[in-house]
Protein backbone atom coordinates (compact mmCIF):
# COMPACT_ATOMS: atom_id res chain seq x y z
CA MET A 1 29.38 28.32 28.99
CA LEU A 2 31.30 25.39 28.81
CA PHE A 3 34.94 26.81 29.20
CA THR A 4 37.93 25.04 29.73
CA GLU A 5 41.97 25.50 30.70
CA ASP A 6 43.07 23.90 27.64
CA PHE A 7 41.16 26.25 25.48
CA LEU A 8 42.30 28.81 27.51
CA HIS A 9 46.24 27.85 26.64
CA TYR A 10 45.24 27.61 22.90
CA ILE A 11 43.99 31.39 23.25
CA TRP A 12 47.18 32.97 24.71
CA LYS A 13 49.56 30.67 23.03
CA PHE A 14 48.15 32.11 19.08
CA ARG A 15 47.26 34.98 20.93
CA LEU A 16 43.59 34.42 19.59
CA PHE A 17 42.53 37.78 21.73
CA ASN A 18 41.55 40.91 20.83
CA ARG A 19 45.00 43.00 21.45
CA ILE A 20 43.70 46.63 21.01
CA ASN A 21 44.10 48.72 24.26
CA LEU A 22 45.33 45.83 26.36
CA ARG A 23 45.35 46.85 30.09
CA THR A 24 45.98 45.03 33.63
CA THR A 25 42.92 44.70 35.62
CA GLU A 26 45.06 47.66 37.40
CA GLY A 27 44.88 49.96 34.72
CA GLU A 28 48.24 49.60 33.85
CA GLU A 29 49.51 49.69 29.58
CA LEU A 30 50.44 46.26 29.06
CA GLU A 31 52.20 44.73 25.63
CA VAL A 32 52.08 41.07 25.05
CA LEU A 33 55.51 40.16 23.06
CA SER A 34 56.16 36.83 23.69
CA ALA A 35 53.66 34.16 24.91
CA GLY A 36 56.69 31.98 25.91
CA LEU A 37 56.44 28.32 25.45
CA HIS A 38 54.36 25.82 26.48
CA ASN A 39 55.62 23.94 29.59
CA SER A 40 53.04 20.73 30.15
CA HIS A 41 55.61 19.75 32.92
CA ALA A 42 55.51 21.25 36.74
CA GLY A 43 55.82 24.66 37.19
CA ALA A 44 53.90 27.49 35.37
CA ASP A 45 51.77 27.27 32.19
CA PHE A 46 54.52 29.20 30.01
CA GLN A 47 57.66 29.75 30.35
CA ASN A 48 60.11 32.29 29.19
CA ALA A 49 57.24 35.00 28.34
CA ARG A 50 58.02 38.75 27.15
CA ILE A 51 55.78 41.83 28.33
CA ARG A 52 55.73 45.04 28.67
CA ILE A 53 53.81 46.63 31.71
CA GLY A 54 54.28 50.75 31.04
CA GLU A 55 57.43 51.02 30.17
CA THR A 56 59.10 48.12 31.70
CA THR A 57 59.61 44.87 30.08
CA TRP A 58 59.36 41.85 31.66
CA ALA A 59 60.89 38.44 30.54
CA GLY A 60 59.55 35.26 33.26
CA SER A 61 56.64 32.89 32.98
CA ALA A 62 52.72 33.22 32.80
CA GLU A 63 50.28 30.99 34.28
CA LEU A 64 46.83 30.61 32.85
CA HIS A 65 43.91 30.10 35.05
CA ILE A 66 39.97 29.99 34.32
CA SER A 67 39.49 32.37 37.27
CA SER A 68 42.05 34.03 39.22
CA SER A 69 40.83 31.95 42.46
CA ASP A 70 42.28 29.07 41.05
CA TRP A 71 45.88 30.30 41.91
CA TYR A 72 44.94 29.84 45.65
CA LYS A 73 42.75 26.34 45.34
CA HIS A 74 46.10 24.81 43.16
CA GLY A 75 48.20 25.82 46.12
CA HIS A 76 50.73 28.07 44.35
CA THR A 77 50.84 30.66 47.05
CA THR A 78 53.58 28.46 48.73
CA ASP A 79 55.42 26.77 45.36
CA ASN A 80 58.85 28.51 44.66
CA ALA A 81 58.27 27.45 40.93
CA TYR A 82 55.48 30.08 40.63
CA ASP A 83 57.66 32.93 41.98
CA ASN A 84 58.46 34.14 38.67
CA VAL A 85 55.33 34.46 37.22
CA ILE A 86 55.44 38.15 35.24
CA LEU A 87 51.31 37.99 34.09
CA HIS A 88 48.41 35.99 35.61
CA VAL A 89 46.33 35.26 32.81
CA VAL A 90 42.31 34.41 33.53
CA TYR A 91 39.47 34.13 31.83
CA ARG A 92 37.85 35.62 35.00
CA ASP A 93 39.49 38.38 37.51
CA ASP A 94 37.44 37.09 40.17
CA GLU A 95 40.18 37.45 43.84
CA PRO A 96 43.49 39.68 43.77
CA LEU A 97 46.52 37.88 43.20
CA MET A 98 48.99 39.65 45.89
CA ARG A 99 52.41 37.50 46.22
CA THR A 100 54.47 36.91 49.26
CA ASP A 101 56.21 40.15 49.81
CA GLY A 102 52.47 41.73 49.44
CA LYS A 103 52.62 43.42 46.18
CA ARG A 104 49.83 42.39 43.66
CA VAL A 105 50.51 39.90 40.47
CA PRO A 106 49.77 41.52 37.57
CA THR A 107 47.14 40.13 35.56
CA LEU A 108 45.23 40.40 32.54
CA GLU A 109 41.62 39.05 32.49
CA LEU A 110 40.76 37.78 28.54
CA HIS A 111 36.58 37.70 29.91
CA ASP A 112 35.61 40.19 26.92
CA ARG A 113 38.06 39.56 24.58
CA ILE A 114 37.46 36.45 23.14
CA SER A 115 34.94 36.13 20.05
CA ALA A 116 31.87 34.12 20.19
CA GLU A 117 32.17 32.96 16.72
CA LEU A 118 36.05 31.24 17.65
CA TYR A 119 34.23 30.30 20.94
CA ASN A 120 31.27 28.35 19.16
CA ARG A 121 33.73 26.72 16.89
CA TYR A 122 35.44 25.34 19.53
CA HIS A 123 32.88 24.29 21.99
CA ASN A 124 31.38 22.62 18.92
CA LEU A 125 34.48 20.56 18.34
CA VAL A 126 34.84 19.54 21.65
CA PHE A 127 31.36 19.45 23.01
CA GLY A 128 29.01 18.47 20.10
CA ASN A 129 26.91 15.37 19.52
CA GLN A 130 30.05 13.48 17.19
CA THR A 131 29.79 9.83 16.65
CA ILE A 132 32.97 9.16 15.68
CA ILE A 133 35.81 11.99 16.60
CA PRO A 134 35.15 15.48 17.31
CA CYS A 135 36.75 17.15 14.08
CA GLU A 136 34.68 14.24 11.64
CA ALA A 137 32.90 16.93 10.18
CA SER A 138 36.17 19.07 9.08
CA ILE A 139 38.76 16.74 8.86
CA ALA A 140 38.94 16.07 4.99
CA THR A 141 39.13 19.67 5.06
CA VAL A 142 42.46 19.68 6.46
CA ASP A 143 45.43 19.86 4.00
CA GLY A 144 47.58 16.99 2.87
CA LEU A 145 50.84 19.23 4.35
CA THR A 146 49.26 19.55 7.99
CA MET A 147 48.18 16.10 8.02
CA GLN A 148 51.79 14.69 7.05
CA ASN A 149 53.49 16.32 9.42
CA TRP A 150 50.92 15.87 12.17
CA LEU A 151 50.73 11.28 11.68
CA THR A 152 54.62 11.21 11.36
CA ARG A 153 54.88 13.32 14.81
CA ILE A 154 52.09 11.04 16.33
CA LEU A 155 53.72 7.76 15.14
CA VAL A 156 56.97 8.71 16.54
CA GLU A 157 55.15 8.97 20.05
CA ARG A 158 53.09 6.14 19.39
CA LEU A 159 56.58 4.37 19.16
CA GLU A 160 58.44 5.43 21.66
CA LYS A 161 55.33 4.69 23.87
CA ARG A 162 55.64 1.36 22.44
CA SER A 163 59.37 0.57 23.14
CA GLU A 164 59.08 1.59 26.74
CA ALA A 165 58.22 -2.62 26.86
CA VAL A 166 61.47 -3.24 25.05
CA ILE A 167 63.44 -1.27 27.31
CA ALA A 168 62.08 -2.58 30.37
CA ALA A 169 62.03 -6.40 29.16
CA LEU A 170 65.62 -5.40 28.07
CA HIS A 171 67.01 -4.36 31.30
CA VAL A 172 64.98 -7.81 32.60
CA ASN A 173 67.48 -9.69 30.25
CA ARG A 174 70.45 -7.75 31.46
CA GLY A 175 70.71 -5.90 28.14
CA ASP A 176 70.70 -9.47 25.70
CA TRP A 177 68.88 -8.01 22.89
CA GLU A 178 69.04 -11.45 21.02
CA GLU A 179 66.95 -12.87 24.07
CA THR A 180 64.52 -10.40 24.70
CA PHE A 181 63.89 -9.99 20.82
CA TYR A 182 63.20 -13.79 20.79
CA GLN A 183 60.82 -13.08 23.58
CA PHE A 184 58.48 -10.38 21.70
CA LEU A 185 58.76 -12.49 18.68
CA ALA A 186 57.19 -15.70 20.15
CA ALA A 187 54.68 -13.52 21.69
CA ASN A 188 54.06 -12.12 18.11
CA PHE A 189 53.27 -15.39 16.39
CA GLY A 190 50.60 -16.01 18.85
CA PHE A 191 48.93 -13.39 17.43
CA LYS A 192 46.59 -12.35 20.65
CA THR A 193 44.43 -15.24 20.75
CA ASN A 194 47.82 -17.07 22.11
CA ALA A 195 50.37 -14.34 22.92
CA LEU A 196 50.20 -15.25 26.26
CA PRO A 197 50.97 -19.07 26.53
CA PHE A 198 54.04 -18.39 23.25
CA GLU A 199 55.20 -15.82 25.86
CA LEU A 200 55.23 -17.83 28.77
CA MET A 201 57.07 -21.06 26.66
CA ALA A 202 59.92 -18.36 25.46
CA ARG A 203 60.72 -17.06 28.55
CA SER A 204 60.84 -20.63 29.94
CA LEU A 205 62.90 -21.94 27.25
CA PRO A 206 66.18 -19.21 26.93
CA GLN A 207 67.35 -18.70 23.15
CA SER A 208 71.03 -19.40 24.78
CA ILE A 209 69.79 -23.58 24.80
CA LEU A 210 68.13 -23.27 21.23
CA ALA A 211 71.20 -21.70 20.15
CA LYS A 212 73.20 -25.23 21.43
CA ASN A 213 70.67 -27.27 19.99
CA LYS A 214 70.48 -25.54 16.38
CA ASN A 215 71.72 -27.38 14.13
CA ASN A 216 69.80 -30.06 15.08
CA ALA A 217 65.59 -29.29 13.80
CA MET A 218 64.12 -32.65 15.77
CA GLN A 219 65.46 -30.91 19.22
CA ILE A 220 64.29 -27.24 18.25
CA GLU A 221 61.03 -28.87 17.62
CA ALA A 222 61.05 -30.95 20.75
CA LEU A 223 61.85 -28.44 23.12
CA ILE A 224 59.20 -26.10 21.17
CA PHE A 225 56.53 -28.36 21.61
CA GLY A 226 57.46 -30.02 24.65
CA GLN A 227 57.68 -26.20 26.71
CA ALA A 228 54.61 -25.64 25.30
CA GLY A 229 53.18 -28.74 26.94
CA PHE A 230 51.83 -30.52 24.48
CA LEU A 231 54.28 -33.57 24.30
CA THR A 232 51.73 -35.70 26.24
CA ASP A 233 52.30 -39.81 26.99
CA ASN A 234 49.36 -40.52 25.11
CA LEU A 235 50.49 -39.60 21.79
CA GLN A 236 50.17 -42.29 19.18
CA ASP A 237 51.91 -41.07 15.86
CA ASP A 238 55.36 -41.63 15.58
CA TYR A 239 56.70 -38.21 15.00
CA PRO A 240 55.08 -36.55 17.92
CA ARG A 241 56.53 -39.78 19.89
CA SER A 242 60.04 -39.77 18.79
CA LEU A 243 60.03 -35.39 19.72
CA LYS A 244 58.18 -36.20 23.07
CA LYS A 245 62.12 -38.82 23.73
CA GLU A 246 64.37 -35.97 22.95
CA TYR A 247 62.56 -33.54 24.77
CA ASP A 248 62.04 -35.87 28.24
CA TYR A 249 66.41 -36.42 27.35
CA LEU A 250 66.53 -32.52 26.97
CA ALA A 251 64.05 -31.18 29.86
CA LYS A 252 66.79 -33.29 32.20
CA LYS A 253 69.27 -32.07 30.39
CA TYR A 254 68.66 -28.21 31.09
CA SER A 255 65.76 -28.51 34.30
CA LEU A 256 63.52 -27.48 31.98
CA GLN A 257 59.30 -27.16 33.29
CA PRO A 258 57.09 -27.22 30.75
CA ILE A 259 54.47 -24.66 30.60
CA GLU A 260 50.42 -25.71 30.96
CA ASN A 261 48.71 -26.72 27.93
CA HIS A 262 45.52 -25.40 29.09
CA LEU A 263 46.36 -21.86 28.14
CA TRP A 264 46.50 -22.79 24.80
CA LYS A 265 43.26 -21.86 22.61
CA PHE A 266 42.18 -23.68 19.70
CA LEU A 267 38.51 -22.88 19.32
CA ARG A 268 36.79 -20.44 16.70
CA MET A 269 40.67 -20.63 14.87
CA ARG A 270 41.08 -21.44 11.67
CA PRO A 271 43.23 -24.43 11.77
CA GLN A 272 46.11 -22.47 9.95
CA ASN A 273 45.78 -20.39 12.80
CA PHE A 274 45.73 -23.32 15.55
CA PRO A 275 48.70 -22.67 18.02
CA THR A 276 50.19 -26.49 17.01
CA ILE A 277 50.83 -24.84 13.39
CA ARG A 278 52.37 -21.82 14.75
CA LEU A 279 54.69 -23.21 17.27
CA ALA A 280 55.61 -25.53 14.33
CA GLN A 281 56.66 -22.30 12.12
CA PHE A 282 57.78 -20.60 15.14
CA ALA A 283 60.64 -23.54 15.32
CA ALA A 284 61.14 -23.35 11.58
CA LEU A 285 62.15 -19.82 11.74
CA ILE A 286 64.49 -20.56 14.60
CA VAL A 287 65.87 -23.24 12.92
CA GLN A 288 66.57 -21.25 9.63
CA ALA A 289 67.70 -17.96 11.86
CA ASN A 290 69.52 -18.55 15.04
CA HIS A 291 70.24 -14.84 16.33
CA LEU A 292 67.89 -13.23 14.08
CA PHE A 293 67.90 -10.16 15.61
CA SER A 294 71.20 -9.79 14.39
CA LYS A 295 70.65 -10.76 10.99
CA ILE A 296 67.30 -8.58 11.07
CA LEU A 297 70.26 -5.08 11.90
CA GLU A 298 72.68 -6.36 9.24
CA VAL A 299 69.89 -6.86 6.08
CA PRO A 300 68.99 -3.11 5.01
CA GLU A 301 66.80 -3.86 2.40
CA VAL A 302 62.69 -4.24 3.53
CA LYS A 303 62.88 -7.21 0.77
CA GLU A 304 65.54 -9.04 2.30
CA LEU A 305 63.31 -8.50 5.87
CA ARG A 306 60.25 -10.34 4.26
CA SER A 307 62.27 -13.02 2.58
CA LEU A 308 62.93 -14.11 6.80
CA PHE A 309 60.55 -14.91 7.34
CA SER A 310 58.27 -15.55 4.38
CA ASN A 311 60.29 -18.28 3.05
CA ILE A 312 60.71 -20.88 6.29
CA LYS A 313 59.50 -24.30 5.85
CA VAL A 314 57.83 -26.17 8.90
CA CYS A 315 58.43 -30.22 9.33
CA ASN A 316 56.98 -32.18 6.36
CA TYR A 317 54.71 -33.45 9.58
CA TRP A 318 52.64 -30.93 9.40
CA GLU A 319 52.12 -30.28 6.14
CA THR A 320 49.37 -33.22 6.90
CA HIS A 321 48.69 -32.60 10.21
CA TYR A 322 47.42 -29.43 12.37
CA ARG A 323 47.67 -31.43 15.65
CA PHE A 324 49.57 -33.65 16.68
CA ASP A 325 47.51 -37.59 15.80
CA THR A 326 44.79 -36.13 13.63
CA GLN A 327 45.43 -36.58 9.88
CA SER A 328 43.86 -34.00 7.39
CA LYS A 329 44.67 -33.05 3.68
CA PRO A 330 47.71 -32.30 2.33
CA ALA A 331 48.46 -28.07 2.72
CA ALA A 332 51.15 -25.30 2.54
CA LYS A 333 51.94 -24.13 6.33
CA SER A 334 54.20 -21.36 5.71
CA LEU A 335 54.03 -18.09 7.03
CA GLY A 336 51.01 -16.02 4.75
CA PRO A 337 51.37 -12.61 3.48
CA ALA A 338 49.38 -11.04 5.90
CA SER A 339 50.88 -12.91 9.22
CA VAL A 340 54.38 -11.69 7.81
CA ASP A 341 53.08 -8.01 7.72
CA THR A 342 51.60 -8.48 11.19
CA ILE A 343 55.38 -9.59 12.66
CA LEU A 344 57.21 -6.70 10.68
CA LEU A 345 54.97 -4.34 12.03
CA ASN A 346 54.79 -5.51 15.34
CA THR A 347 58.54 -7.19 16.35
CA VAL A 348 60.93 -5.72 13.17
CA ALA A 349 59.95 -2.31 12.90
CA LEU A 350 59.07 -1.99 16.93
CA PHE A 351 62.67 -3.42 17.48
CA LEU A 352 64.49 -1.69 15.26
CA PHE A 353 62.71 1.87 16.86
CA SER A 354 63.65 0.62 20.23
CA TYR A 355 67.45 -0.58 19.78
CA GLY A 356 68.82 3.01 17.11
CA ARG A 357 66.49 5.66 19.70
CA HIS A 358 68.15 3.42 23.25
CA LEU A 359 71.59 3.62 21.46
CA LYS A 360 71.65 6.84 19.56
CA LEU A 361 71.34 5.73 16.12
CA GLN A 362 69.53 7.28 14.48
CA HIS A 363 69.76 5.12 10.56
CA PHE A 364 67.43 2.06 12.72
CA VAL A 365 64.66 4.34 13.80
CA SER A 366 65.16 5.64 9.52
CA ARG A 367 64.79 2.15 9.08
CA ALA A 368 62.22 1.25 11.32
CA LEU A 369 60.24 4.04 9.62
CA LYS A 370 60.92 3.00 6.27
CA LEU A 371 59.84 -0.37 6.42
CA LEU A 372 56.30 1.09 7.81
CA GLU A 373 55.83 2.94 4.78
CA ASN A 374 56.38 -0.78 2.72
CA ILE A 375 53.70 -2.40 5.09
CA PRO A 376 50.21 -2.12 3.97
CA ALA A 377 47.72 -0.69 5.89
CA GLU A 378 46.18 -2.54 8.60
CA GLN A 379 42.58 -2.88 7.97
CA ASN A 380 40.29 -2.23 10.98
CA ASN A 381 36.42 -0.91 12.46
CA ILE A 382 38.69 2.56 13.04
CA ILE A 383 40.53 2.77 9.42
CA THR A 384 37.30 2.09 8.49
CA ASP A 385 35.91 4.71 9.95
CA PHE A 386 38.71 7.39 8.97
CA ALA A 387 38.05 6.56 5.59
CA ASN A 388 34.57 6.88 5.71
CA LEU A 389 35.64 10.98 6.70
CA GLY A 390 37.72 10.81 3.80
CA VAL A 391 41.14 9.92 4.99
CA ASN A 392 42.76 7.11 3.04
CA THR A 393 45.35 4.94 4.18
CA LYS A 394 48.05 2.50 2.00
CA THR A 395 50.40 1.70 4.40
CA ALA A 396 51.26 0.80 7.93
CA PHE A 397 52.64 4.45 8.73
CA GLU A 398 49.50 5.79 8.41
CA SER A 399 47.14 3.57 10.01
CA GLN A 400 49.33 3.03 12.84
CA ALA A 401 49.17 7.11 13.31
CA LEU A 402 45.27 7.39 12.84
CA LEU A 403 45.56 4.48 15.58
CA GLU A 404 47.22 7.17 17.81
CA LEU A 405 45.65 9.94 17.19
CA LYS A 406 42.34 7.97 17.76
CA ASN A 407 43.30 6.22 20.99
CA SER A 408 45.38 9.33 22.35
CA TYR A 409 43.55 12.39 20.95
CA CYS A 410 40.02 12.02 19.66
CA ASN A 411 38.89 8.97 22.38
CA HIS A 412 40.17 11.95 25.26
CA LYS A 413 38.57 15.03 23.00
CA LYS A 414 42.46 16.02 23.16
CA CYS A 415 41.71 18.59 19.84
CA LEU A 416 44.16 21.55 21.40
CA GLN A 417 46.68 19.54 21.57
CA CYS A 418 46.70 17.63 17.56
CA SER A 419 47.70 19.66 15.00
CA VAL A 420 44.36 18.72 13.07
CA GLY A 421 42.25 20.20 15.37
CA ILE A 422 44.20 23.28 16.35
CA LYS A 423 44.28 23.66 12.10
CA ILE A 424 40.67 23.64 11.51
CA LEU A 425 39.74 26.19 15.06
CA LYS A 426 42.32 28.67 13.95
CA PRO A 427 40.72 31.52 12.40
CA ASN A 428 41.26 32.09 8.40
């Protein structure tokens, strides 16, 4: 029989064992008044438990193990954090547990008190032959309220984890939110394939330098393309040659060193997504809205946030070019709706959440969640798999939560830490 400690915790937490005529392994009458609070940190598994043994009521901690002997294997004997354990709950009692004073720790054995039906449901859920997620046969039956509450909780978990990188970068940037946002936004403009060179370019070109030249669009584009390594000596067209002339002067003025040009990738990309076009769009955005994060904080409406990114206009040269010195048919080079949504999702919403959490300003956290509710759901294999199981998504709020559910819970079979799994396992 495959039996895990997580399952034992689940049984104890929800008291899903036969409680008729409970007794300790020494035969004393036992009543569980409170299972306690599940503890995921150091120390006993459940804290603030309350039990009655005989005529005495005890308050303290409960520690759970598959076998009694695990107490010794886990080194609890010499750990003071376990001195207040009032009950040892085990699946099988294979060795008496003694305190340092020679007295036996009260023990409850659950081996014969767990129903076969409950165990079979658990076993089929966690150890079955599912191909997508453990609960793929049952997830569609979970009620909407349970699902919505759980998705909200794990979406916040996802944003909290992602915000750790934001706060780490903020410390490196000495608390400068504008600079940190600028760096993350640049990486997002790389859209995965060119995220790294975009980020390196931004780190090599502080926003403070761009701010000093914000009124000159050519200088902004010269700085960005120059730092990206695209302004070389063999340029032919007048416009890039003019950019190079500007960059050579500015690079000397600000002691700038460009990144390696070979880092940029063009292979198997649609021309609209070429890094040169993304750099041109990024430059246009900087010209249009310097100190962009401050503007975002001041714009409460989702429609206005979207317009900050959807209305940028690149230099006329790029209307007929995808790369320097190579002319193409005229085509608009503004950011498309899908690209704008990606930026709002991965940078704007993340920073509103991080800013609100870091400064304890809840209305910015709420704005981040509202923004995700107004962005269409991403389309990828994971979201498609959930749709095939009957779990449909309309917004990025839902799709981001499902990605967290799949990657942090389903893939690791943490069904007993998931409200969906608990709902499916719980007896009717």
